[in-house]
């Protein structure tokens, strides 16, 4: 097959494209290299701020369109798969639809129906936007930001896209849940792909006899992911137990440097408002780390895992995160045990070979 991925989040589409090439398919990616991650891409397209940046972006996009044709499948990273206002998406989508075969949607990141479910606070107990009925802390949770996502313009575009795509792939349970009733059999839960062959070998455990706690941040997303809160907890532990704890704050690194830092840690604190482990958490699991992240019952239910639940489940309702971390720090054998169990879960459910095959199966069944 000949596949075009448009857009990428945290190495998701790039990983799938690499795996599909190994399987004998042609797979190309159009992306902005995921910003600071500086990933490879086949077609580079990035919008810079300002009016001039907007005109330049459209000029480059129009020049690329003749190259984005004759693909069997086009896979969009999100309903907002380009850096455009929602009123402009239909024009470019219709061109892609006309000059290619099937079009599928990756359900990842914010879109109208996910954000609407967060706002309604009925499907989700918490999210980066709301905790119960109250707005979550942080500038990205302010009402005016959320209202942009759930505007009529975004709804109209999302409805058009969902009606016209051939199918959709949800990479996390929380992205499938809001649209399952709309898409029915057109949506498939695939999970996120991890290429274990690119993970650094011989991960370090307990350097200097200390437990190393890793907190990753991305500029502009510190509040939305809860990273500031998790880093504060980790620093408090380091201050209270300097002989036993070391904290590593990692921010905006290229992908390879990021993985190398991740390999030298023991506990990874990733997200506070997620229901499921996302890419950083899954890479850490693949490296045998204990991961504090979204690991709600819905996640384990989706992957069919009811026995081993080694992740340190985090939510904004938890008041005992520090105490649970102390228990781990005082029991290094438990860290090693949970790390091994977490790696087994990632290998079983997130190996890029398995996830790529799930995408292939859905393309062939629905295309």
Protein backbone atom coordinates (compact mmCIF):
# COMPACT_ATOMS: atom_id res chain seq x y z
CA UNK A 1 0.00 0.00 0.00
CA UNK A 2 0.93 3.63 -0.44
CA UNK A 3 0.15 5.64 2.70
CA UNK A 4 0.41 9.33 3.52
CA UNK A 5 0.38 10.51 7.12
CA UNK A 6 -0.53 14.18 7.52
CA UNK A 7 0.59 15.66 10.84
CA UNK A 8 2.24 14.02 13.81
CA UNK A 9 2.07 14.12 17.60
CA UNK A 10 4.98 12.91 19.73
CA UNK A 11 6.39 10.53 17.11
CA UNK A 12 3.08 8.66 16.63
CA UNK A 13 2.76 8.81 12.84
CA UNK A 14 6.53 8.76 12.30
CA UNK A 15 6.75 5.49 14.23
CA UNK A 16 3.92 3.95 12.21
CA UNK A 17 5.45 5.06 8.91
CA UNK A 18 8.81 3.51 9.83
CA UNK A 19 7.16 0.22 10.79
CA UNK A 20 5.04 0.11 7.63
CA UNK A 21 8.16 0.61 5.49
CA UNK A 22 9.71 -2.41 7.21
CA UNK A 23 6.58 -4.33 6.23
CA UNK A 24 7.09 -3.44 2.56
CA UNK A 25 4.68 -0.52 2.18
CA UNK A 26 5.41 3.02 1.00
CA UNK A 27 4.70 5.43 3.84
CA UNK A 28 5.33 9.18 3.77
CA UNK A 29 4.85 11.77 6.51
CA UNK A 30 4.00 15.45 6.27
CA UNK A 31 4.75 17.22 9.55
CA UNK A 32 6.49 20.07 11.34
CA UNK A 33 8.96 17.51 12.77
CA UNK A 34 7.01 17.68 16.05
CA UNK A 35 8.67 20.97 16.95
CA UNK A 36 11.54 20.54 19.40
CA UNK A 37 11.55 16.75 18.88
CA UNK A 38 13.15 17.41 15.47
CA UNK A 39 11.90 14.18 13.91
CA UNK A 40 12.57 13.23 10.31
CA UNK A 41 9.80 13.92 7.81
CA UNK A 42 9.22 13.49 4.09
CA UNK A 43 7.29 16.74 3.62
CA UNK A 44 8.07 19.61 6.00
CA UNK A 45 5.38 22.18 6.71
CA UNK A 46 5.44 24.53 9.68
CA UNK A 47 3.51 27.70 10.37
CA UNK A 48 5.29 30.66 11.94
CA UNK A 49 3.40 33.35 13.88
CA UNK A 50 1.89 36.45 12.33
CA UNK A 51 0.15 37.43 9.12
CA UNK A 52 3.28 36.91 7.01
CA UNK A 53 3.71 33.48 8.57
CA UNK A 54 0.13 32.64 7.63
CA UNK A 55 0.59 33.65 3.98
CA UNK A 56 3.87 31.74 3.78
CA UNK A 57 2.20 28.66 5.22
CA UNK A 58 -0.61 28.75 2.64
CA UNK A 59 1.89 29.32 -0.18
CA UNK A 60 3.93 26.28 0.87
CA UNK A 61 0.79 24.19 1.36
CA UNK A 62 -0.48 24.95 -2.16
CA UNK A 63 2.94 24.03 -3.55
CA UNK A 64 2.82 20.69 -1.73
CA UNK A 65 -0.68 19.69 -2.84
CA UNK A 66 0.38 18.32 -6.27
CA UNK A 67 2.78 15.96 -4.44
CA UNK A 68 0.08 14.69 -2.06
CA UNK A 69 -1.78 12.57 -4.58
CA UNK A 70 -2.31 8.95 -5.64
CA UNK A 71 -2.04 7.49 -2.15
CA UNK A 72 -4.18 4.48 -1.27
CA UNK A 73 -4.70 5.88 2.24
CA UNK A 74 -4.35 9.33 3.77
CA UNK A 75 -4.22 9.31 7.58
CA UNK A 76 -4.95 12.63 9.33
CA UNK A 77 -3.47 13.20 12.80
CA UNK A 78 -6.49 15.12 14.09
CA UNK A 79 -9.60 16.90 12.84
CA UNK A 80 -7.32 19.97 12.86
CA UNK A 81 -4.60 18.29 10.80
CA UNK A 82 -3.18 21.55 9.45
CA UNK A 83 -2.49 24.92 11.10
CA UNK A 84 -5.65 26.57 9.80
CA UNK A 85 -8.89 28.01 11.07
CA UNK A 86 -11.75 25.48 10.98
CA UNK A 87 -13.53 27.33 8.18
CA UNK A 88 -10.62 26.59 5.81
CA UNK A 89 -10.24 22.85 6.41
CA UNK A 90 -13.02 21.66 4.12
CA UNK A 91 -11.36 23.15 1.04
CA UNK A 92 -8.10 21.25 1.56
CA UNK A 93 -9.81 18.09 2.77
CA UNK A 94 -11.93 17.92 -0.39
CA UNK A 95 -8.79 18.24 -2.54
CA UNK A 96 -7.07 15.42 -0.64
CA UNK A 97 -10.19 13.28 -0.94
CA UNK A 98 -10.44 13.88 -4.68
CA UNK A 99 -6.83 13.07 -5.51
CA UNK A 100 -6.35 10.05 -3.19
CA UNK A 101 -8.09 6.86 -2.11
CA UNK A 102 -9.45 6.41 1.40
CA UNK A 103 -9.10 8.99 4.17
CA UNK A 104 -8.84 7.96 7.80
CA UNK A 105 -8.59 9.98 10.99
CA UNK A 106 -6.31 9.41 13.96
CA UNK A 107 -8.19 10.35 17.11
CA UNK A 108 -5.45 12.01 19.13
CA UNK A 109 -5.28 15.29 21.00
CA UNK A 110 -7.96 17.92 21.35
CA UNK A 111 -10.89 18.10 18.97
CA UNK A 112 -14.49 19.25 19.22
CA UNK A 113 -16.06 16.08 20.61
CA UNK A 114 -13.27 15.30 23.07
CA UNK A 115 -13.28 18.85 24.45
CA UNK A 116 -17.09 18.92 24.55
CA UNK A 117 -17.03 15.75 26.65
CA UNK A 118 -14.48 17.39 28.95
CA UNK A 119 -16.70 20.47 29.27
CA UNK A 120 -19.88 18.51 29.94
CA UNK A 121 -18.07 16.57 32.71
CA UNK A 122 -20.40 13.59 32.37
CA UNK A 123 -18.33 11.07 30.43
CA UNK A 124 -15.10 11.99 32.25
CA UNK A 125 -14.62 12.39 35.98
CA UNK A 126 -11.74 14.75 35.30
CA UNK A 127 -9.72 16.17 32.42
CA UNK A 128 -7.17 18.87 31.73
CA UNK A 129 -10.14 21.25 31.38
CA UNK A 130 -12.38 20.27 34.26
CA UNK A 131 -12.14 18.46 37.57
CA UNK A 132 -15.67 17.44 38.33
CA UNK A 133 -17.76 20.53 37.62
CA UNK A 134 -14.91 22.98 38.30
CA UNK A 135 -12.43 24.30 35.77
CA UNK A 136 -8.95 22.84 36.17
CA UNK A 137 -6.07 25.14 37.17
CA UNK A 138 -3.77 26.66 34.60
CA UNK A 139 -4.06 29.02 31.67
CA UNK A 140 -4.99 26.30 29.18
CA UNK A 141 -8.04 25.43 31.25
CA UNK A 142 -9.50 28.91 31.17
CA UNK A 143 -13.04 28.98 29.79
CA UNK A 144 -12.12 31.10 26.77
CA UNK A 145 -9.60 28.47 25.63
CA UNK A 146 -12.09 25.64 25.97
CA UNK A 147 -14.84 27.63 24.28
CA UNK A 148 -12.62 27.96 21.20
CA UNK A 149 -12.53 24.18 20.89
CA UNK A 150 -16.29 23.80 21.29
CA UNK A 151 -17.24 26.66 18.98
CA UNK A 152 -19.88 26.22 16.27
CA UNK A 153 -17.18 26.50 13.61
CA UNK A 154 -15.25 23.58 15.10
CA UNK A 155 -18.43 21.53 15.49
CA UNK A 156 -19.50 22.11 11.89
CA UNK A 157 -16.11 21.09 10.57
CA UNK A 158 -15.86 18.04 12.87
CA UNK A 159 -19.31 16.85 11.81
CA UNK A 160 -18.44 17.17 8.13
CA UNK A 161 -15.16 15.30 8.58
CA UNK A 162 -16.60 12.46 10.67
CA UNK A 163 -19.38 11.98 8.13
CA UNK A 164 -17.00 11.79 5.18
CA UNK A 165 -13.99 9.81 6.42
CA UNK A 166 -13.71 6.09 5.74
CA UNK A 167 -12.74 5.30 9.31
CA UNK A 168 -10.94 6.43 12.44
CA UNK A 169 -8.32 5.04 14.81
CA UNK A 170 -8.42 5.96 18.51
CA UNK A 171 -4.97 5.76 20.09
CA UNK A 172 -6.28 6.17 23.66
CA UNK A 173 -9.59 5.07 25.21
CA UNK A 174 -10.54 8.63 26.11
CA UNK A 175 -10.39 9.64 22.43
CA UNK A 176 -12.74 6.87 21.34
CA UNK A 177 -15.28 7.27 24.13
CA UNK A 178 -16.81 10.62 22.96
CA UNK A 179 -17.29 9.53 19.32
CA UNK A 180 -18.11 5.83 19.61
CA UNK A 181 -21.82 6.59 19.41
CA UNK A 182 -21.27 8.69 16.29
CA UNK A 183 -18.81 6.54 14.36
CA UNK A 184 -19.84 3.07 15.48
CA UNK A 185 -17.87 0.40 13.61
CA UNK A 186 -15.96 3.07 11.70
CA UNK A 187 -13.76 3.66 14.76
CA UNK A 188 -11.19 1.18 16.05
CA UNK A 189 -9.11 1.36 19.23
CA UNK A 190 -5.49 0.73 18.19
CA UNK A 191 -3.43 2.00 21.13
CA UNK A 192 -0.21 4.00 20.66
CA UNK A 193 2.83 2.54 18.86
CA UNK A 194 6.26 2.16 20.46
CA UNK A 195 9.28 1.12 18.41
CA UNK A 196 11.25 -0.85 20.98
CA UNK A 197 14.21 -1.11 18.62
CA UNK A 198 14.93 2.61 19.03
CA UNK A 199 15.03 2.54 22.84
CA UNK A 200 18.49 2.96 24.42
CA UNK A 201 20.04 -0.28 25.67
CA UNK A 202 21.18 -1.06 29.22
CA UNK A 203 19.03 1.42 31.14
CA UNK A 204 20.65 2.68 34.35
CA UNK A 205 19.00 1.90 37.70
CA UNK A 206 19.68 3.75 40.96
CA UNK A 207 22.79 5.70 40.00
CA UNK A 208 24.63 7.06 43.06
CA UNK A 209 22.32 4.81 45.13
CA UNK A 210 19.56 7.35 44.63
CA UNK A 211 16.15 6.93 43.06
CA UNK A 212 16.00 9.25 40.06
CA UNK A 213 12.63 10.86 39.39
CA UNK A 214 12.06 12.18 35.87
CA UNK A 215 9.52 14.92 35.10
CA UNK A 216 9.12 15.97 31.49
CA UNK A 217 7.69 19.30 30.41
CA UNK A 218 6.74 20.83 27.10
CA UNK A 219 6.62 24.59 26.86
CA UNK A 220 3.04 25.81 26.93
CA UNK A 221 1.66 22.52 28.22
CA UNK A 222 2.99 22.51 31.80
CA UNK A 223 -0.42 23.27 33.32
CA UNK A 224 -2.51 21.18 30.95
CA UNK A 225 -0.53 18.01 31.68
CA UNK A 226 -0.14 18.73 35.39
CA UNK A 227 3.65 18.74 35.03
CA UNK A 228 4.16 21.70 37.36
CA UNK A 229 2.28 19.96 40.17
CA UNK A 230 4.19 16.71 39.68
CA UNK A 231 7.54 18.50 39.55
CA UNK A 232 6.72 20.32 42.79
CA UNK A 233 6.05 16.99 44.49
CA UNK A 234 9.30 15.51 43.15
CA UNK A 235 11.34 18.52 44.30
CA UNK A 236 9.80 18.34 47.76
CA UNK A 237 10.89 14.72 47.99
CA UNK A 238 14.39 15.62 46.84
CA UNK A 239 14.60 18.35 49.48
CA UNK A 240 13.26 16.06 52.21
CA UNK A 241 15.29 12.99 51.20
CA UNK A 242 18.43 14.33 49.46
CA UNK A 243 20.40 11.17 50.20
CA UNK A 244 17.78 9.00 48.48
CA UNK A 245 16.16 11.08 45.74
CA UNK A 246 17.35 13.00 42.70
CA UNK A 247 14.97 14.90 40.41
CA UNK A 248 15.54 15.42 36.69
CA UNK A 249 13.45 18.10 34.96
CA UNK A 250 13.54 17.60 31.19
CA UNK A 251 12.08 20.21 28.87
CA UNK A 252 11.86 20.57 25.08
CA UNK A 253 14.66 18.19 24.09
CA UNK A 254 15.21 16.60 20.67
CA UNK A 255 13.81 13.08 20.62
CA UNK A 256 17.06 11.12 20.86
CA UNK A 257 18.36 13.25 23.75
CA UNK A 258 15.01 12.83 25.46
CA UNK A 259 15.21 9.03 25.24
CA UNK A 260 18.75 8.99 26.62
CA UNK A 261 17.70 11.06 29.64
CA UNK A 262 14.68 8.83 30.12
CA UNK A 263 16.92 5.75 30.17
CA UNK A 264 18.92 7.13 33.11
CA UNK A 265 15.99 7.47 35.47
CA UNK A 266 13.93 5.13 37.66
CA UNK A 267 10.51 6.74 38.23
CA UNK A 268 8.77 8.85 35.58
CA UNK A 269 5.99 11.28 36.49
CA UNK A 270 4.15 12.04 33.27
CA UNK A 271 0.52 13.22 33.38
CA UNK A 272 -1.99 14.12 36.07
CA UNK A 273 -5.16 14.56 33.98
CA UNK A 274 -5.00 11.57 31.62
CA UNK A 275 -6.95 8.31 31.78
CA UNK A 276 -4.24 6.34 29.97
CA UNK A 277 -0.45 6.33 29.54
CA UNK A 278 0.58 8.41 26.53
CA UNK A 279 3.84 8.40 24.57
CA UNK A 280 6.31 9.49 27.26
CA UNK A 281 4.81 7.02 29.71
CA UNK A 282 4.91 4.20 27.16
CA UNK A 283 8.54 4.83 26.25
CA UNK A 284 9.35 4.82 29.97
CA UNK A 285 7.43 1.56 30.40
CA UNK A 286 9.41 0.09 27.51
CA UNK A 287 12.59 1.00 29.36
CA UNK A 288 11.41 -0.74 32.52
CA UNK A 289 10.66 2.36 34.57
CA UNK A 290 7.91 2.86 37.12
CA UNK A 291 5.51 5.35 35.57
CA UNK A 292 3.14 7.73 37.32
CA UNK A 293 0.45 8.67 34.81
CA UNK A 294 -3.14 8.09 33.76
CA UNK A 295 -3.96 4.48 34.55
CA UNK A 296 -7.64 4.60 35.29
CA UNK A 297 -9.91 1.52 35.27
CA UNK A 298 -11.09 2.44 31.76
CA UNK A 299 -7.52 2.00 30.47
CA UNK A 300 -7.06 -1.46 31.92
CA UNK A 301 -10.53 -2.41 30.71
CA UNK A 302 -9.71 -1.35 27.14
CA UNK A 303 -6.48 -3.35 27.00
CA UNK A 304 -8.04 -6.33 28.77
CA UNK A 305 -5.56 -6.35 31.64
CA UNK A 306 -7.16 -7.08 35.01
CA UNK A 307 -4.28 -8.75 36.87
CA UNK A 308 -1.01 -6.85 36.82
CA UNK A 309 -1.59 -3.10 37.23
CA UNK A 310 1.93 -1.77 37.90
CA UNK A 311 1.46 1.86 36.88
CA UNK A 312 1.32 4.52 39.56
CA UNK A 313 -2.18 5.75 38.80
CA UNK A 314 -2.44 9.54 39.07
CA UNK A 315 -5.42 11.86 39.04
CA UNK A 316 -6.17 15.37 40.33
CA UNK A 317 -8.24 13.77 43.11
CA UNK A 318 -5.22 11.97 44.60
CA UNK A 319 -3.91 13.52 47.80
CA UNK A 320 -1.38 10.77 48.59
CA UNK A 321 0.96 10.94 45.60
CA UNK A 322 3.94 11.91 47.73
CA UNK A 323 3.27 9.14 50.24
CA UNK A 324 3.03 6.51 47.51
CA UNK A 325 6.29 7.74 46.02
CA UNK A 326 7.99 7.51 49.41
CA UNK A 327 6.86 3.89 49.71
CA UNK A 328 8.45 3.14 46.35
CA UNK A 329 11.66 4.99 47.16
CA UNK A 330 12.01 2.94 50.34
CA UNK A 331 11.46 -0.30 48.41
CA UNK A 332 13.71 -0.48 45.35
CA UNK A 333 12.75 -4.08 44.68
CA UNK A 334 9.18 -2.90 44.15
CA UNK A 335 10.45 -0.37 41.60
CA UNK A 336 12.22 -3.14 39.68
CA UNK A 337 9.18 -5.43 39.88
CA UNK A 338 6.72 -2.78 38.70
CA UNK A 339 9.13 -1.66 35.98
CA UNK A 340 9.31 -5.18 34.57
CA UNK A 341 5.53 -5.57 34.68
CA UNK A 342 5.05 -2.22 32.93
CA UNK A 343 7.48 -3.22 30.19
CA UNK A 344 5.54 -6.43 29.65
CA UNK A 345 2.30 -4.46 29.22
CA UNK A 346 3.89 -2.11 26.69
CA UNK A 347 5.39 -5.03 24.74
CA UNK A 348 2.06 -6.82 24.67
CA UNK A 349 -0.15 -3.90 23.68
CA UNK A 350 2.01 -1.16 22.14
CA UNK A 351 4.70 -2.80 20.01
CA UNK A 352 4.73 -0.80 16.77
CA UNK A 353 4.46 -4.02 14.74
CA UNK A 354 1.16 -4.85 16.43
CA UNK A 355 -0.24 -1.32 16.18
CA UNK A 356 0.79 -0.95 12.53
CA UNK A 357 -1.05 -4.19 11.75
CA UNK A 358 -4.18 -2.86 13.49
CA UNK A 359 -4.02 0.21 11.24
CA UNK A 360 -3.56 -1.99 8.16
CA UNK A 361 -6.50 -4.19 9.12
CA UNK A 362 -8.77 -1.18 9.60
CA UNK A 363 -7.71 0.38 6.29
CA UNK A 364 -8.45 -2.87 4.48
CA UNK A 365 -11.77 -3.46 6.25
CA UNK A 366 -13.14 0.08 5.91
CA UNK A 367 -11.28 1.52 2.92
